[in-house]
Amino acid sequence: MARKGLMEQDLSKLDVAKLHPLSPEVISRQATINIGTIGHVAHGKSTVVKAISGVQTVRFKNELERNITIKLGYANAKIYKCDDERCPRPMTYKSYGSGKEDTPMCDVPGFENAKMKLLRHVSFVDCPGHDILMATMLNGAAIMDGALLLIAANESCPQPQTSEHLAAIEIMRLQHIIILQNK
């Protein structure tokens, strides 16, 4: 069954031998990269995920009441680039939730007639930062292809869970890490 705005997946026309994690037919419907958000408590991990994906990963009543991540949070996002090479950076890139069509129109003033091209479909694993929830963070690290390490600019570095999360992903041999200074 075809969904409006998504790449057609007709097995009679698809050469499955040529499919790979960045094939438009694949990333149209499925996130192919798992990115963990790690770091000390209250450094903005869930906020960054929401800014990129539009999804609030803190969902459970006790999390909302205490404003902390207790369980792993999940959110998917599609990342696009404007097809018009004249579209200025960084506005040429845009992220939307997973349900967005594959070729939305660019919303940068002056480029509204250009289409956006789907580059990646990513899944975020939002990890808790509290020390007593380290086991939960380790469960999330097991499925990560890469990580965003968030560090608050308004606090000294490293904070205790920053060091622990770095040690954990080093043990897991995670090699793709982006350090994001926040706040």
Protein backbone atom coordinates (compact mmCIF):
# COMPACT_ATOMS: atom_id res chain seq x y z
CA MET A 1 0.00 0.00 0.00
CA ALA A 2 1.51 3.30 -1.11
CA ARG A 3 1.59 6.25 1.28
CA LYS A 4 1.28 9.68 -0.25
CA GLY A 5 4.62 11.43 -0.58
CA LEU A 6 6.78 8.37 0.14
CA MET A 7 8.99 6.42 -2.27
CA GLU A 8 7.16 3.53 -3.92
CA GLN A 9 8.29 0.08 -2.80
CA ASP A 10 7.12 -2.30 -5.50
CA LEU A 11 8.98 -5.62 -5.19
CA SER A 12 8.34 -6.40 -8.86
CA LYS A 13 10.34 -3.27 -9.79
CA LEU A 14 12.93 -3.24 -6.97
CA ASP A 15 16.35 -4.82 -7.31
CA VAL A 16 16.83 -5.83 -3.68
CA ALA A 17 20.48 -6.70 -4.37
CA LYS A 18 21.15 -2.99 -4.94
CA LEU A 19 19.41 -1.76 -1.78
CA HIS A 20 21.59 -0.27 0.94
CA PRO A 21 20.95 1.81 4.09
CA LEU A 22 20.95 5.08 2.12
CA SER A 23 18.73 3.94 -0.77
CA PRO A 24 15.77 6.30 -1.18
CA GLU A 25 13.43 3.29 -1.12
CA VAL A 26 14.77 2.37 2.32
CA ILE A 27 15.18 5.75 4.04
CA SER A 28 11.76 6.86 2.87
CA ARG A 29 10.12 4.61 5.45
CA GLN A 30 12.81 3.37 7.81
CA ALA A 31 15.44 5.05 9.97
CA THR A 32 18.80 3.42 9.22
CA ILE A 33 21.08 5.13 11.74
CA ASN A 34 20.70 5.01 15.55
CA ILE A 35 22.13 8.07 17.31
CA GLY A 36 22.28 8.17 21.09
CA THR A 37 22.08 11.35 23.12
CA ILE A 38 24.34 11.01 26.13
CA GLY A 39 25.76 13.22 28.84
CA HIS A 40 25.18 14.54 32.33
CA VAL A 41 21.71 15.14 33.76
CA ALA A 42 19.97 18.35 32.60
CA HIS A 43 22.44 19.14 29.82
CA GLY A 44 19.65 19.24 27.21
CA LYS A 45 19.64 15.77 25.64
CA SER A 46 15.84 15.48 25.34
CA THR A 47 15.54 19.11 24.26
CA VAL A 48 17.97 18.59 21.36
CA VAL A 49 16.09 15.47 20.22
CA LYS A 50 12.82 17.41 20.27
CA ALA A 51 14.37 20.30 18.33
CA ILE A 52 15.54 17.92 15.58
CA SER A 53 12.64 15.47 15.43
CA GLY A 54 9.69 17.39 16.85
CA VAL A 55 9.09 14.47 19.24
CA GLN A 56 8.98 14.80 23.03
CA THR A 57 10.86 11.73 24.31
CA VAL A 58 9.96 12.31 27.97
CA ARG A 59 6.54 10.63 27.91
CA PHE A 60 5.75 8.85 31.14
CA LYS A 61 3.84 10.48 33.99
CA ASN A 62 6.66 10.15 36.54
CA GLU A 63 9.16 11.56 34.01
CA LEU A 64 6.93 14.51 33.18
CA GLU A 65 6.24 15.27 36.85
CA ARG A 66 9.94 15.24 37.73
CA ASN A 67 11.13 16.63 34.35
CA ILE A 68 13.75 13.91 33.96
CA THR A 69 14.35 11.05 31.54
CA ILE A 70 14.05 7.71 33.34
CA LYS A 71 13.43 5.28 30.48
CA LEU A 72 15.07 5.32 27.08
CA GLY A 73 13.28 7.74 24.79
CA TYR A 74 12.97 7.20 21.05
CA ALA A 75 12.30 9.59 18.17
CA ASN A 76 12.86 9.46 14.42
CA ALA A 77 13.70 12.34 12.10
CA LYS A 78 14.21 12.83 8.40
CA ILE A 79 17.03 15.16 7.35
CA TYR A 80 16.73 17.07 4.07
CA LYS A 81 18.78 19.42 1.89
CA CYS A 82 17.41 21.96 -0.57
CA ASP A 83 18.00 20.89 -4.19
CA ASP A 84 18.89 24.47 -5.19
CA GLU A 85 22.65 24.84 -4.68
CA ARG A 86 22.20 28.60 -4.17
CA CYS A 87 20.16 28.03 -1.01
CA PRO A 88 22.37 29.36 1.82
CA ARG A 89 23.83 27.26 4.60
CA PRO A 90 22.76 26.34 7.23
CA MET A 91 19.15 26.99 6.13
CA THR A 92 19.57 24.64 3.17
CA TYR A 93 19.31 21.76 5.70
CA LYS A 94 16.10 20.97 7.55
CA SER A 95 14.80 18.17 9.75
CA TYR A 96 11.25 16.95 10.19
CA GLY A 97 9.52 14.09 11.95
CA SER A 98 9.43 10.65 10.37
CA GLY A 99 6.00 11.13 8.80
CA LYS A 100 7.11 13.92 6.44
CA GLU A 101 6.93 13.23 2.70
CA ASP A 102 10.17 12.53 0.82
CA THR A 103 10.34 15.75 -1.22
CA PRO A 104 8.82 18.69 0.67
CA MET A 105 9.22 22.21 -0.64
CA CYS A 106 12.03 24.37 0.72
CA ASP A 107 10.84 27.03 3.18
CA VAL A 108 13.84 29.37 2.87
CA PRO A 109 12.71 32.79 1.56
CA GLY A 110 13.54 33.06 -2.13
CA PHE A 111 13.78 29.28 -2.58
CA GLU A 112 10.14 28.28 -1.98
CA ASN A 113 9.90 26.72 -5.47
CA ALA A 114 12.80 24.33 -4.81
CA LYS A 115 12.26 20.83 -3.50
CA MET A 116 14.11 19.32 -0.57
CA LYS A 117 15.98 16.01 -1.01
CA LEU A 118 15.83 13.38 1.72
CA LEU A 119 19.41 12.67 2.85
CA ARG A 120 19.02 10.56 6.00
CA HIS A 121 16.38 9.01 8.20
CA VAL A 122 17.76 8.73 11.72
CA SER A 123 16.52 7.30 14.99
CA PHE A 124 17.46 8.95 18.28
CA VAL A 125 17.94 7.00 21.50
CA ASP A 126 17.55 9.55 24.29
CA CYS A 127 19.45 8.26 27.34
CA PRO A 128 18.92 9.30 30.95
CA GLY A 129 21.71 11.26 32.60
CA HIS A 130 21.21 10.39 36.28
CA ASP A 131 23.90 8.22 37.87
CA ILE A 132 21.37 5.70 39.21
CA LEU A 133 20.13 5.13 35.64
CA MET A 134 23.50 4.13 34.17
CA ALA A 135 22.24 0.61 33.37
CA THR A 136 19.47 2.13 31.25
CA MET A 137 22.03 4.24 29.38
CA LEU A 138 24.14 1.11 28.72
CA ASN A 139 21.10 -0.66 27.25
CA GLY A 140 20.67 2.26 24.88
CA ALA A 141 24.37 2.28 23.96
CA ALA A 142 24.09 -1.30 22.73
CA ILE A 143 22.07 -0.18 19.69
CA MET A 144 23.88 3.09 18.88
CA ASP A 145 25.74 3.67 15.62
CA GLY A 146 26.88 7.06 16.88
CA ALA A 147 26.31 9.48 19.74
CA LEU A 148 25.74 13.14 20.49
CA LEU A 149 27.54 13.95 23.75
CA LEU A 150 25.89 17.02 25.23
CA ILE A 151 27.91 19.26 27.53
CA ALA A 152 26.41 22.32 29.22
CA ALA A 153 28.52 25.41 28.62
CA ASN A 154 27.32 26.96 31.88
CA GLU A 155 28.85 24.22 34.09
CA SER A 156 32.37 22.94 34.67
CA CYS A 157 33.46 20.01 32.54
CA PRO A 158 33.50 17.10 32.87
CA GLN A 159 30.50 16.48 35.09
CA PRO A 160 30.29 12.98 36.67
CA GLN A 161 27.87 11.41 34.18
CA THR A 162 29.70 13.01 31.25
CA SER A 163 32.78 10.99 32.24
CA GLU A 164 30.75 7.84 32.91
CA HIS A 165 28.91 8.05 29.59
CA LEU A 166 32.20 8.59 27.74
CA ALA A 167 33.72 5.57 29.48
CA ALA A 168 30.65 3.48 28.58
CA ILE A 169 30.74 4.30 24.88
CA GLU A 170 34.49 3.70 24.85
CA ILE A 171 33.90 0.21 26.28
CA MET A 172 31.19 -0.31 23.63
CA ARG A 173 33.77 0.79 21.01
CA LEU A 174 31.46 3.45 19.63
CA GLN A 175 33.58 5.48 17.22
CA HIS A 176 31.22 8.11 15.83
CA ILE A 177 30.76 10.81 18.46
CA ILE A 178 29.81 14.46 18.09
CA ILE A 179 30.32 16.73 21.08
CA LEU A 180 27.59 19.34 21.31
CA GLN A 181 28.10 22.31 23.62
CA ASN A 182 24.67 23.37 24.81
CA LYS A 183 22.97 26.13 26.80
